[in-house]
Amino acid sequence: MRSRNRADFEAHGEVHFITSTVVGFINVFDHAPACEIFVECLRFCQARGDFTLLAWVLMPNHFHLVAKRAENKSISEVIGGLKRYTARQIGQLRAGREMRQTLDRVRRAASRESGKGTAIWKPRFDSFVITSEGALRQKIEYIHSNPVRKGMVMEPWQWRYSSASAYTGNDGIGVPVDTDWCCVGYSRIPSGKDS
């Protein structure tokens, strides 16, 4: 298969590499209930048509996505919606003492950082527009390797809150991922995909 160039990627809409971080770099996602909320929010936003996921990972205090946004939405609307929805749901958690203490730390950090004590996420996020197959492969590899680099697992597919297992043919935890990259114009599985 020939390599995709910038024009091919632009013809199919913007594909973004997104990073967003919890206020104060607090490990909110060391807690399974918060992780499950994030996963459910990904499913909800995707089902609503906000984006198509090509890769994702949820780390203890941040997330990365590679996503093609819906043509009728800006990337700010897409990520803003995901962050608002997760913050609202996590803020309403009726959790154990440890999770409540974590959320109290987040609220204090948010009031110092943003002036709002109700935020979970830093107000801004990073977005990089992917314009080539090489950049797409590199960002997906980076995302899937993140838990390995942090010493949390030995192999990318072992991290539960990631799309790495989807790239091995496993459904993982049921977040739909375009592992064939159809949303950027591929009609079959690209050769040499990472696992």
N, C-alpha and C. Protein backbone atom coordinates (compact mmCIF):
# COMPACT_ATOMS: atom_id res chain seq x y z
N MET A 1 0.85 -1.18 0.00
CA MET A 1 0.00 0.00 0.00
C MET A 1 0.89 1.23 0.00
N ARG A 2 0.53 2.19 -0.81
CA ARG A 2 1.33 3.41 -0.86
C ARG A 2 1.12 4.22 0.41
N SER A 3 2.08 5.02 0.71
CA SER A 3 2.02 5.85 1.90
C SER A 3 1.06 7.02 1.67
N ARG A 4 0.40 7.43 2.71
CA ARG A 4 -0.50 8.58 2.63
C ARG A 4 0.30 9.87 2.80
N ASN A 5 -0.05 10.87 2.02
CA ASN A 5 0.60 12.17 2.20
C ASN A 5 -0.37 13.15 2.82
N ARG A 6 0.09 14.37 3.03
CA ARG A 6 -0.71 15.38 3.70
C ARG A 6 -2.06 15.60 3.01
N ALA A 7 -2.07 15.64 1.69
CA ALA A 7 -3.31 15.89 0.96
C ALA A 7 -4.34 14.80 1.22
N ASP A 8 -3.87 13.54 1.30
CA ASP A 8 -4.79 12.45 1.59
C ASP A 8 -5.42 12.62 2.97
N PHE A 9 -4.61 12.98 3.96
CA PHE A 9 -5.13 13.16 5.31
C PHE A 9 -6.09 14.34 5.37
N GLU A 10 -5.73 15.44 4.70
CA GLU A 10 -6.61 16.62 4.71
C GLU A 10 -7.93 16.34 4.01
N ALA A 11 -7.90 15.50 2.97
CA ALA A 11 -9.14 15.18 2.25
C ALA A 11 -10.13 14.45 3.13
N HIS A 12 -9.64 13.76 4.15
CA HIS A 12 -10.52 12.99 5.02
C HIS A 12 -10.79 13.69 6.35
N GLY A 13 -10.39 14.93 6.48
CA GLY A 13 -10.66 15.69 7.70
C GLY A 13 -9.51 15.62 8.68
N GLU A 14 -9.59 16.44 9.68
CA GLU A 14 -8.49 16.55 10.63
C GLU A 14 -8.46 15.39 11.61
N VAL A 15 -7.28 14.81 11.72
CA VAL A 15 -7.00 13.79 12.71
C VAL A 15 -6.08 14.45 13.73
N HIS A 16 -6.43 14.35 15.01
CA HIS A 16 -5.69 15.05 16.06
C HIS A 16 -5.07 14.08 17.05
N PHE A 17 -3.89 14.45 17.52
CA PHE A 17 -3.28 13.81 18.68
C PHE A 17 -3.54 14.76 19.84
N ILE A 18 -4.30 14.29 20.83
CA ILE A 18 -4.77 15.12 21.94
C ILE A 18 -4.14 14.65 23.25
N THR A 19 -3.78 15.61 24.07
CA THR A 19 -3.34 15.32 25.44
C THR A 19 -4.07 16.27 26.38
N SER A 20 -4.63 15.73 27.45
CA SER A 20 -5.22 16.56 28.49
C SER A 20 -4.84 15.99 29.84
N THR A 21 -4.64 16.90 30.81
CA THR A 21 -4.09 16.53 32.10
C THR A 21 -5.01 16.96 33.23
N VAL A 22 -5.02 16.17 34.30
CA VAL A 22 -5.77 16.49 35.51
C VAL A 22 -5.10 17.67 36.21
N VAL A 23 -5.89 18.56 36.79
CA VAL A 23 -5.33 19.69 37.54
C VAL A 23 -4.40 19.17 38.62
N GLY A 24 -3.29 19.87 38.80
CA GLY A 24 -2.34 19.49 39.84
C GLY A 24 -1.64 18.17 39.59
N PHE A 25 -1.82 17.60 38.40
CA PHE A 25 -1.22 16.30 38.05
C PHE A 25 -1.55 15.22 39.09
N ILE A 26 -2.76 15.29 39.63
CA ILE A 26 -3.21 14.36 40.67
C ILE A 26 -3.72 13.08 40.01
N ASN A 27 -3.39 11.95 40.57
CA ASN A 27 -3.71 10.65 39.99
C ASN A 27 -5.16 10.22 40.26
N VAL A 28 -6.08 10.94 39.67
CA VAL A 28 -7.50 10.62 39.79
C VAL A 28 -7.78 9.22 39.22
N PHE A 29 -7.06 8.85 38.17
CA PHE A 29 -7.35 7.61 37.47
C PHE A 29 -6.53 6.43 38.00
N ASP A 30 -6.08 6.55 39.24
CA ASP A 30 -5.60 5.39 39.98
C ASP A 30 -6.80 4.64 40.56
N HIS A 31 -7.97 5.22 40.45
CA HIS A 31 -9.20 4.68 41.03
C HIS A 31 -10.10 4.13 39.92
N ALA A 32 -10.42 2.85 40.01
CA ALA A 32 -11.21 2.18 38.98
C ALA A 32 -12.54 2.88 38.66
N PRO A 33 -13.30 3.38 39.66
CA PRO A 33 -14.57 4.04 39.31
C PRO A 33 -14.37 5.25 38.38
N ALA A 34 -13.31 6.01 38.60
CA ALA A 34 -13.03 7.16 37.73
C ALA A 34 -12.64 6.69 36.33
N CYS A 35 -11.87 5.62 36.25
CA CYS A 35 -11.48 5.06 34.95
C CYS A 35 -12.71 4.59 34.17
N GLU A 36 -13.61 3.91 34.86
CA GLU A 36 -14.81 3.41 34.20
C GLU A 36 -15.68 4.56 33.69
N ILE A 37 -15.74 5.65 34.43
CA ILE A 37 -16.47 6.83 33.98
C ILE A 37 -15.83 7.38 32.72
N PHE A 38 -14.51 7.49 32.69
CA PHE A 38 -13.84 8.00 31.50
C PHE A 38 -14.15 7.12 30.29
N VAL A 39 -14.06 5.80 30.46
CA VAL A 39 -14.34 4.87 29.37
C VAL A 39 -15.78 5.05 28.88
N GLU A 40 -16.72 5.13 29.81
CA GLU A 40 -18.12 5.33 29.42
C GLU A 40 -18.30 6.66 28.68
N CYS A 41 -17.61 7.68 29.11
CA CYS A 41 -17.69 8.99 28.44
C CYS A 41 -17.12 8.92 27.03
N LEU A 42 -16.02 8.18 26.84
CA LEU A 42 -15.49 7.98 25.49
C LEU A 42 -16.54 7.33 24.60
N ARG A 43 -17.16 6.26 25.12
CA ARG A 43 -18.21 5.56 24.35
C ARG A 43 -19.36 6.51 24.00
N PHE A 44 -19.81 7.27 25.01
CA PHE A 44 -20.93 8.18 24.82
C PHE A 44 -20.62 9.22 23.75
N CYS A 45 -19.47 9.89 23.87
CA CYS A 45 -19.11 10.95 22.91
C CYS A 45 -18.92 10.39 21.51
N GLN A 46 -18.37 9.19 21.43
CA GLN A 46 -18.19 8.58 20.12
C GLN A 46 -19.54 8.18 19.52
N ALA A 47 -20.41 7.59 20.33
CA ALA A 47 -21.74 7.20 19.85
C ALA A 47 -22.55 8.42 19.42
N ARG A 48 -22.32 9.54 20.08
CA ARG A 48 -22.99 10.79 19.73
C ARG A 48 -22.47 11.35 18.40
N GLY A 49 -21.34 10.82 17.94
CA GLY A 49 -20.80 11.25 16.66
C GLY A 49 -19.77 12.36 16.75
N ASP A 50 -19.21 12.58 17.94
CA ASP A 50 -18.22 13.65 18.10
C ASP A 50 -16.92 13.35 17.40
N PHE A 51 -16.51 12.07 17.39
CA PHE A 51 -15.22 11.71 16.82
C PHE A 51 -15.16 10.22 16.51
N THR A 52 -14.15 9.85 15.75
CA THR A 52 -13.79 8.45 15.53
C THR A 52 -12.43 8.25 16.18
N LEU A 53 -12.32 7.28 17.04
CA LEU A 53 -11.05 7.01 17.72
C LEU A 53 -10.17 6.10 16.88
N LEU A 54 -8.89 6.47 16.78
CA LEU A 54 -7.90 5.60 16.18
C LEU A 54 -6.99 5.00 17.24
N ALA A 55 -6.86 5.69 18.37
CA ALA A 55 -6.07 5.17 19.50
C ALA A 55 -6.37 6.02 20.72
N TRP A 56 -6.18 5.41 21.90
CA TRP A 56 -6.37 6.15 23.15
C TRP A 56 -5.65 5.44 24.29
N VAL A 57 -5.33 6.21 25.31
CA VAL A 57 -4.82 5.65 26.56
C VAL A 57 -5.23 6.58 27.69
N LEU A 58 -5.60 5.99 28.79
CA LEU A 58 -5.89 6.73 30.01
C LEU A 58 -4.82 6.38 31.03
N MET A 59 -4.07 7.38 31.45
CA MET A 59 -3.02 7.22 32.44
C MET A 59 -3.53 7.76 33.77
N PRO A 60 -2.80 7.58 34.87
CA PRO A 60 -3.31 8.03 36.17
C PRO A 60 -3.69 9.51 36.25
N ASN A 61 -3.00 10.38 35.50
CA ASN A 61 -3.31 11.81 35.60
C ASN A 61 -3.45 12.52 34.25
N HIS A 62 -3.60 11.76 33.17
CA HIS A 62 -3.80 12.38 31.87
C HIS A 62 -4.33 11.35 30.88
N PHE A 63 -4.75 11.85 29.72
CA PHE A 63 -5.13 10.94 28.64
C PHE A 63 -4.54 11.44 27.34
N HIS A 64 -4.39 10.51 26.41
CA HIS A 64 -4.01 10.80 25.03
C HIS A 64 -5.06 10.16 24.12
N LEU A 65 -5.39 10.84 23.06
CA LEU A 65 -6.26 10.29 22.02
C LEU A 65 -5.66 10.59 20.66
N VAL A 66 -5.88 9.71 19.73
CA VAL A 66 -5.76 10.03 18.31
C VAL A 66 -7.17 9.87 17.78
N ALA A 67 -7.73 10.97 17.32
CA ALA A 67 -9.14 10.95 16.92
C ALA A 67 -9.37 11.84 15.71
N LYS A 68 -10.29 11.41 14.89
CA LYS A 68 -10.76 12.24 13.78
C LYS A 68 -12.05 12.90 14.26
N ARG A 69 -12.05 14.19 14.33
CA ARG A 69 -13.22 14.91 14.81
C ARG A 69 -14.33 14.88 13.76
N ALA A 70 -15.56 15.03 14.23
CA ALA A 70 -16.69 15.14 13.32
C ALA A 70 -16.54 16.44 12.53
N GLU A 71 -16.94 16.43 11.27
CA GLU A 71 -16.76 17.60 10.41
C GLU A 71 -17.52 18.82 10.91
N ASN A 72 -18.61 18.60 11.61
CA ASN A 72 -19.44 19.73 12.06
C ASN A 72 -19.04 20.24 13.44
N LYS A 73 -17.92 19.76 13.98
CA LYS A 73 -17.48 20.18 15.31
C LYS A 73 -16.02 20.57 15.29
N SER A 74 -15.69 21.56 16.12
CA SER A 74 -14.28 21.90 16.29
C SER A 74 -13.66 20.95 17.29
N ILE A 75 -12.34 20.86 17.28
CA ILE A 75 -11.67 19.98 18.24
C ILE A 75 -11.91 20.50 19.67
N SER A 76 -12.03 21.81 19.83
CA SER A 76 -12.32 22.37 21.16
C SER A 76 -13.69 21.93 21.66
N GLU A 77 -14.68 21.89 20.77
CA GLU A 77 -16.01 21.41 21.17
C GLU A 77 -15.97 19.94 21.55
N VAL A 78 -15.25 19.15 20.76
CA VAL A 78 -15.17 17.70 20.99
C VAL A 78 -14.52 17.40 22.34
N ILE A 79 -13.34 17.96 22.57
CA ILE A 79 -12.60 17.66 23.80
C ILE A 79 -13.25 18.36 24.99
N GLY A 80 -13.77 19.56 24.79
CA GLY A 80 -14.50 20.25 25.85
C GLY A 80 -15.68 19.43 26.33
N GLY A 81 -16.42 18.83 25.40
CA GLY A 81 -17.55 17.98 25.78
C GLY A 81 -17.11 16.76 26.56
N LEU A 82 -16.06 16.10 26.11
CA LEU A 82 -15.55 14.93 26.81
C LEU A 82 -15.09 15.29 28.22
N LYS A 83 -14.37 16.39 28.35
CA LYS A 83 -13.87 16.79 29.66
C LYS A 83 -14.99 17.23 30.60
N ARG A 84 -15.96 17.97 30.09
CA ARG A 84 -17.10 18.39 30.94
C ARG A 84 -17.88 17.18 31.44
N TYR A 85 -18.16 16.27 30.53
CA TYR A 85 -18.95 15.09 30.88
C TYR A 85 -18.22 14.24 31.92
N THR A 86 -16.91 14.00 31.72
CA THR A 86 -16.17 13.19 32.70
C THR A 86 -16.07 13.92 34.03
N ALA A 87 -15.81 15.23 34.00
CA ALA A 87 -15.69 15.98 35.26
C ALA A 87 -16.99 15.93 36.05
N ARG A 88 -18.11 16.10 35.36
CA ARG A 88 -19.41 16.07 36.04
C ARG A 88 -19.65 14.70 36.66
N GLN A 89 -19.41 13.65 35.90
CA GLN A 89 -19.66 12.30 36.39
C GLN A 89 -18.71 11.93 37.54
N ILE A 90 -17.44 12.27 37.41
CA ILE A 90 -16.48 11.96 38.47
C ILE A 90 -16.79 12.77 39.72
N GLY A 91 -17.19 14.02 39.54
CA GLY A 91 -17.54 14.86 40.68
C GLY A 91 -18.73 14.34 41.46
N GLN A 92 -19.58 13.55 40.83
CA GLN A 92 -20.76 13.01 41.49
C GLN A 92 -20.53 11.61 42.07
N LEU A 93 -19.31 11.11 41.94
CA LEU A 93 -19.01 9.77 42.47
C LEU A 93 -19.29 9.68 43.96
N ARG A 94 -19.92 8.61 44.35
CA ARG A 94 -20.07 8.28 45.76
C ARG A 94 -19.07 7.17 46.03
N ALA A 95 -17.87 7.58 46.37
CA ALA A 95 -16.77 6.62 46.44
C ALA A 95 -16.25 6.49 47.86
N GLY A 96 -15.32 5.58 48.01
CA GLY A 96 -14.70 5.34 49.30
C GLY A 96 -13.83 6.51 49.75
N ARG A 97 -13.31 6.36 50.94
CA ARG A 97 -12.53 7.42 51.57
C ARG A 97 -11.34 7.86 50.73
N GLU A 98 -10.60 6.91 50.17
CA GLU A 98 -9.41 7.25 49.38
C GLU A 98 -9.77 8.08 48.15
N MET A 99 -10.83 7.69 47.44
CA MET A 99 -11.28 8.44 46.27
C MET A 99 -11.77 9.83 46.68
N ARG A 100 -12.50 9.93 47.79
CA ARG A 100 -12.96 11.24 48.25
C ARG A 100 -11.78 12.14 48.58
N GLN A 101 -10.74 11.58 49.19
CA GLN A 101 -9.54 12.38 49.49
C GLN A 101 -8.87 12.85 48.21
N THR A 102 -8.81 11.98 47.21
CA THR A 102 -8.23 12.37 45.92
C THR A 102 -9.04 13.50 45.30
N LEU A 103 -10.36 13.39 45.32
CA LEU A 103 -11.20 14.44 44.73
C LEU A 103 -11.08 15.75 45.51
N ASP A 104 -10.92 15.68 46.82
CA ASP A 104 -10.69 16.90 47.62
C ASP A 104 -9.38 17.57 47.20
N ARG A 105 -8.34 16.78 46.97
CA ARG A 105 -7.06 17.33 46.50
C ARG A 105 -7.23 17.99 45.13
N VAL A 106 -8.01 17.35 44.26
CA VAL A 106 -8.27 17.91 42.93
C VAL A 106 -9.00 19.25 43.05
N ARG A 107 -10.02 19.30 43.90
CA ARG A 107 -10.78 20.55 44.07
C ARG A 107 -9.89 21.68 44.58
N ARG A 108 -9.02 21.38 45.54
CA ARG A 108 -8.09 22.41 46.04
C ARG A 108 -7.14 22.86 44.94
N ALA A 109 -6.61 21.91 44.18
CA ALA A 109 -5.69 22.26 43.08
C ALA A 109 -6.42 23.08 42.01
N ALA A 110 -7.67 22.71 41.72
CA ALA A 110 -8.44 23.42 40.71
C ALA A 110 -8.73 24.85 41.15
N SER A 111 -9.03 25.05 42.42
CA SER A 111 -9.32 26.41 42.88
C SER A 111 -8.07 27.29 42.82
N ARG A 112 -6.90 26.71 43.03
CA ARG A 112 -5.65 27.48 42.91
C ARG A 112 -5.28 27.73 41.45
N GLU A 113 -5.53 26.74 40.62
CA GLU A 113 -5.06 26.80 39.24
C GLU A 113 -6.01 27.56 38.32
N SER A 114 -7.29 27.29 38.45
CA SER A 114 -8.25 27.86 37.50
C SER A 114 -9.27 28.79 38.15
N GLY A 115 -9.26 28.87 39.46
CA GLY A 115 -10.24 29.71 40.14
C GLY A 115 -11.56 29.00 40.35
N LYS A 116 -11.69 27.78 39.79
CA LYS A 116 -12.92 27.00 39.95
C LYS A 116 -12.57 25.74 40.72
N GLY A 117 -13.24 25.50 41.79
CA GLY A 117 -12.98 24.31 42.59
C GLY A 117 -13.70 23.08 42.10
N THR A 118 -14.40 23.16 40.97
CA THR A 118 -15.17 22.02 40.48
C THR A 118 -14.50 21.32 39.31
N ALA A 119 -13.40 21.84 38.83
CA ALA A 119 -12.74 21.27 37.66
C ALA A 119 -12.00 19.99 38.03
N ILE A 120 -11.92 19.08 37.09
CA ILE A 120 -11.07 17.90 37.20
C ILE A 120 -9.85 18.11 36.29
N TRP A 121 -10.12 18.65 35.10
CA TRP A 121 -9.10 18.80 34.07
C TRP A 121 -8.51 20.20 34.06
N LYS A 122 -7.25 20.30 33.66
CA LYS A 122 -6.67 21.61 33.37
C LYS A 122 -7.52 22.25 32.28
N PRO A 123 -7.66 23.57 32.29
CA PRO A 123 -8.56 24.21 31.32
C PRO A 123 -8.15 24.00 29.86
N ARG A 124 -6.88 23.87 29.60
CA ARG A 124 -6.41 23.74 28.23
C ARG A 124 -6.04 22.29 27.93
N PHE A 125 -5.89 22.00 26.65
CA PHE A 125 -5.40 20.69 26.22
C PHE A 125 -4.47 20.92 25.03
N ASP A 126 -3.63 19.96 24.75
CA ASP A 126 -2.73 20.04 23.61
C ASP A 126 -3.32 19.27 22.44
N SER A 127 -3.20 19.86 21.25
CA SER A 127 -3.71 19.22 20.04
C SER A 127 -2.69 19.39 18.93
N PHE A 128 -2.36 18.29 18.30
CA PHE A 128 -1.42 18.26 17.18
C PHE A 128 -2.15 17.65 16.01
N VAL A 129 -2.23 18.35 14.88
CA VAL A 129 -2.90 17.81 13.70
C VAL A 129 -1.95 16.86 12.98
N ILE A 130 -2.42 15.65 12.77
CA ILE A 130 -1.63 14.62 12.10
C ILE A 130 -1.87 14.73 10.60
N THR A 131 -0.78 14.81 9.85
CA THR A 131 -0.91 15.04 8.41
C THR A 131 -0.21 13.98 7.57
N SER A 132 0.27 12.91 8.18
CA SER A 132 0.93 11.87 7.41
C SER A 132 0.78 10.52 8.10
N GLU A 133 0.98 9.47 7.33
CA GLU A 133 0.93 8.13 7.90
C GLU A 133 2.04 7.94 8.92
N GLY A 134 3.22 8.47 8.64
CA GLY A 134 4.33 8.35 9.57
C GLY A 134 4.02 8.96 10.92
N ALA A 135 3.44 10.15 10.91
CA ALA A 135 3.06 10.82 12.17
C ALA A 135 1.97 10.04 12.88
N LEU A 136 1.02 9.49 12.13
CA LEU A 136 -0.06 8.70 12.72
C LEU A 136 0.52 7.46 13.42
N ARG A 137 1.38 6.75 12.73
CA ARG A 137 2.01 5.56 13.32
C ARG A 137 2.79 5.93 14.58
N GLN A 138 3.55 7.03 14.52
CA GLN A 138 4.38 7.44 15.65
C GLN A 138 3.52 7.78 16.86
N LYS A 139 2.43 8.50 16.67
CA LYS A 139 1.56 8.89 17.78
C LYS A 139 0.85 7.68 18.38
N ILE A 140 0.40 6.75 17.54
CA ILE A 140 -0.24 5.55 18.07
C ILE A 140 0.76 4.73 18.86
N GLU A 141 1.95 4.57 18.34
CA GLU A 141 3.01 3.85 19.07
C GLU A 141 3.30 4.54 20.41
N TYR A 142 3.38 5.87 20.39
CA TYR A 142 3.64 6.63 21.62
C TYR A 142 2.55 6.38 22.67
N ILE A 143 1.30 6.47 22.22
CA ILE A 143 0.16 6.26 23.11
C ILE A 143 0.20 4.86 23.73
N HIS A 144 0.37 3.86 22.89
CA HIS A 144 0.32 2.48 23.38
C HIS A 144 1.53 2.13 24.25
N SER A 145 2.64 2.80 24.04
CA SER A 145 3.85 2.53 24.83
C SER A 145 3.88 3.31 26.15
N ASN A 146 3.01 4.26 26.32
CA ASN A 146 3.03 5.11 27.52
C ASN A 146 3.01 4.30 28.82
N PRO A 147 2.10 3.35 29.01
CA PRO A 147 2.10 2.58 30.26
C PRO A 147 3.37 1.73 30.43
N VAL A 148 3.96 1.28 29.33
CA VAL A 148 5.21 0.51 29.40
C VAL A 148 6.35 1.42 29.86
N ARG A 149 6.45 2.60 29.25
CA ARG A 149 7.50 3.57 29.63
C ARG A 149 7.40 3.95 31.09
N LYS A 150 6.19 4.00 31.62
CA LYS A 150 5.98 4.37 33.03
C LYS A 150 6.13 3.18 33.97
N GLY A 151 6.43 2.01 33.43
CA GLY A 151 6.67 0.83 34.26
C GLY A 151 5.40 0.21 34.84
N MET A 152 4.26 0.47 34.22
CA MET A 152 2.99 -0.03 34.74
C MET A 152 2.66 -1.43 34.21
N VAL A 153 3.15 -1.75 33.01
CA VAL A 153 2.97 -3.06 32.39
C VAL A 153 4.22 -3.38 31.58
N MET A 154 4.33 -4.64 31.19
CA MET A 154 5.47 -5.07 30.37
C MET A 154 5.19 -4.91 28.88
N GLU A 155 3.93 -5.11 28.49
CA GLU A 155 3.52 -5.03 27.09
C GLU A 155 2.35 -4.07 26.95
N PRO A 156 2.28 -3.29 25.87
CA PRO A 156 1.20 -2.31 25.71
C PRO A 156 -0.21 -2.89 25.86
N TRP A 157 -0.45 -4.08 25.29
CA TRP A 157 -1.79 -4.67 25.31
C TRP A 157 -2.23 -5.07 26.71
N GLN A 158 -1.31 -5.08 27.68
CA GLN A 158 -1.67 -5.45 29.06
C GLN A 158 -2.36 -4.31 29.81
N TRP A 159 -2.25 -3.10 29.33
CA TRP A 159 -2.86 -1.95 30.00
C TRP A 159 -4.34 -1.92 29.66
N ARG A 160 -5.18 -2.04 30.64
CA ARG A 160 -6.63 -2.14 30.45
C ARG A 160 -7.23 -0.90 29.78
N TYR A 161 -6.76 0.26 30.16
CA TYR A 161 -7.38 1.51 29.70
C TYR A 161 -6.61 2.09 28.52
N SER A 162 -6.66 1.34 27.42
CA SER A 162 -5.93 1.68 26.22
C SER A 162 -6.53 0.95 25.03
N SER A 163 -6.23 1.44 23.84
CA SER A 163 -6.66 0.76 22.62
C SER A 163 -5.65 -0.25 22.13
N ALA A 164 -4.53 -0.44 22.84
CA ALA A 164 -3.48 -1.35 22.37
C ALA A 164 -4.02 -2.75 22.13
N SER A 165 -4.88 -3.25 23.01
CA SER A 165 -5.40 -4.61 22.82
C SER A 165 -6.28 -4.70 21.57
N ALA A 166 -6.95 -3.61 21.20
CA ALA A 166 -7.76 -3.61 19.97
C ALA A 166 -6.88 -3.84 18.75
N TYR A 167 -5.65 -3.35 18.80
CA TYR A 167 -4.72 -3.53 17.68
C TYR A 167 -4.17 -4.95 17.62
N THR A 168 -4.42 -5.76 18.64
CA THR A 168 -4.03 -7.18 18.60
C THR A 168 -5.22 -8.05 18.21
N GLY A 169 -6.37 -7.44 17.93
CA GLY A 169 -7.57 -8.17 17.55
C GLY A 169 -8.50 -8.46 18.70
N ASN A 170 -8.15 -8.02 19.90
CA ASN A 170 -8.99 -8.21 21.08
C ASN A 170 -9.90 -7.00 21.23
N ASP A 171 -11.12 -7.22 21.65
CA ASP A 171 -12.08 -6.13 21.82
C ASP A 171 -11.72 -5.22 22.99
N GLY A 172 -10.87 -5.69 23.88
CA GLY A 172 -10.50 -4.87 25.04
C GLY A 172 -11.70 -4.62 25.92
N ILE A 173 -11.95 -3.35 26.23
CA ILE A 173 -13.07 -3.02 27.11
C ILE A 173 -14.23 -2.38 26.37
N GLY A 174 -14.29 -2.62 25.08
CA GLY A 174 -15.47 -2.24 24.32
C GLY A 174 -15.55 -0.80 23.86
N VAL A 175 -14.42 -0.11 23.74
CA VAL A 175 -14.42 1.23 23.15
C VAL A 175 -14.08 1.05 21.68
N PRO A 176 -15.00 1.40 20.77
CA PRO A 176 -14.73 1.20 19.35
C PRO A 176 -13.51 2.02 18.88
N VAL A 177 -12.62 1.34 18.16
CA VAL A 177 -11.41 1.96 17.65
C VAL A 177 -11.28 1.59 16.17
N ASP A 178 -11.01 2.56 15.33
CA ASP A 178 -10.81 2.33 13.90
C ASP A 178 -9.37 1.85 13.68
N THR A 179 -9.13 0.56 13.95
CA THR A 179 -7.78 0.01 13.81
C THR A 179 -7.38 -0.17 12.35
N ASP A 180 -8.34 -0.12 11.43
CA ASP A 180 -8.05 -0.22 9.99
C ASP A 180 -7.80 1.15 9.37
N TRP A 181 -8.02 2.20 10.14
CA TRP A 181 -7.80 3.60 9.72
C TRP A 181 -8.69 3.99 8.54
N CYS A 182 -9.88 3.40 8.49
CA CYS A 182 -10.83 3.71 7.41
C CYS A 182 -11.19 5.20 7.40
N CYS A 183 -11.24 5.82 8.57
CA CYS A 183 -11.65 7.22 8.64
C CYS A 183 -10.63 8.17 8.00
N VAL A 184 -9.42 7.68 7.72
CA VAL A 184 -8.44 8.51 7.01
C VAL A 184 -8.20 7.98 5.60
N GLY A 185 -9.14 7.18 5.10
CA GLY A 185 -9.13 6.79 3.71
C GLY A 185 -8.55 5.44 3.38
N TYR A 186 -8.22 4.64 4.36
CA TYR A 186 -7.74 3.29 4.07
C TYR A 186 -8.93 2.38 3.84
N SER A 187 -8.79 1.47 2.91
CA SER A 187 -9.88 0.52 2.67
C SER A 187 -9.52 -0.87 3.16
N ARG A 188 -8.30 -1.03 3.66
CA ARG A 188 -7.89 -2.31 4.25
C ARG A 188 -6.86 -2.02 5.33
N ILE A 189 -6.50 -3.04 6.08
CA ILE A 189 -5.58 -2.88 7.19
C ILE A 189 -4.23 -2.42 6.65
N PRO A 190 -3.68 -1.32 7.18
CA PRO A 190 -2.36 -0.87 6.75
C PRO A 190 -1.29 -1.88 7.15
N SER A 191 -0.31 -2.03 6.28
CA SER A 191 0.76 -2.98 6.59
C SER A 191 1.65 -2.43 7.68
N GLY A 192 2.18 -3.32 8.50
CA GLY A 192 3.13 -2.92 9.55
C GLY A 192 2.51 -2.21 10.72
N LYS A 193 1.21 -2.41 10.96
CA LYS A 193 0.59 -1.76 12.13
C LYS A 193 1.27 -2.22 13.39
N ASP A 194 1.32 -1.31 14.37
CA ASP A 194 1.90 -1.68 15.67
C ASP A 194 0.96 -2.60 16.40
N SER A 195 1.48 -3.28 17.38
CA SER A 195 0.62 -4.14 18.20
C SER A 195 0.64 -3.69 19.62
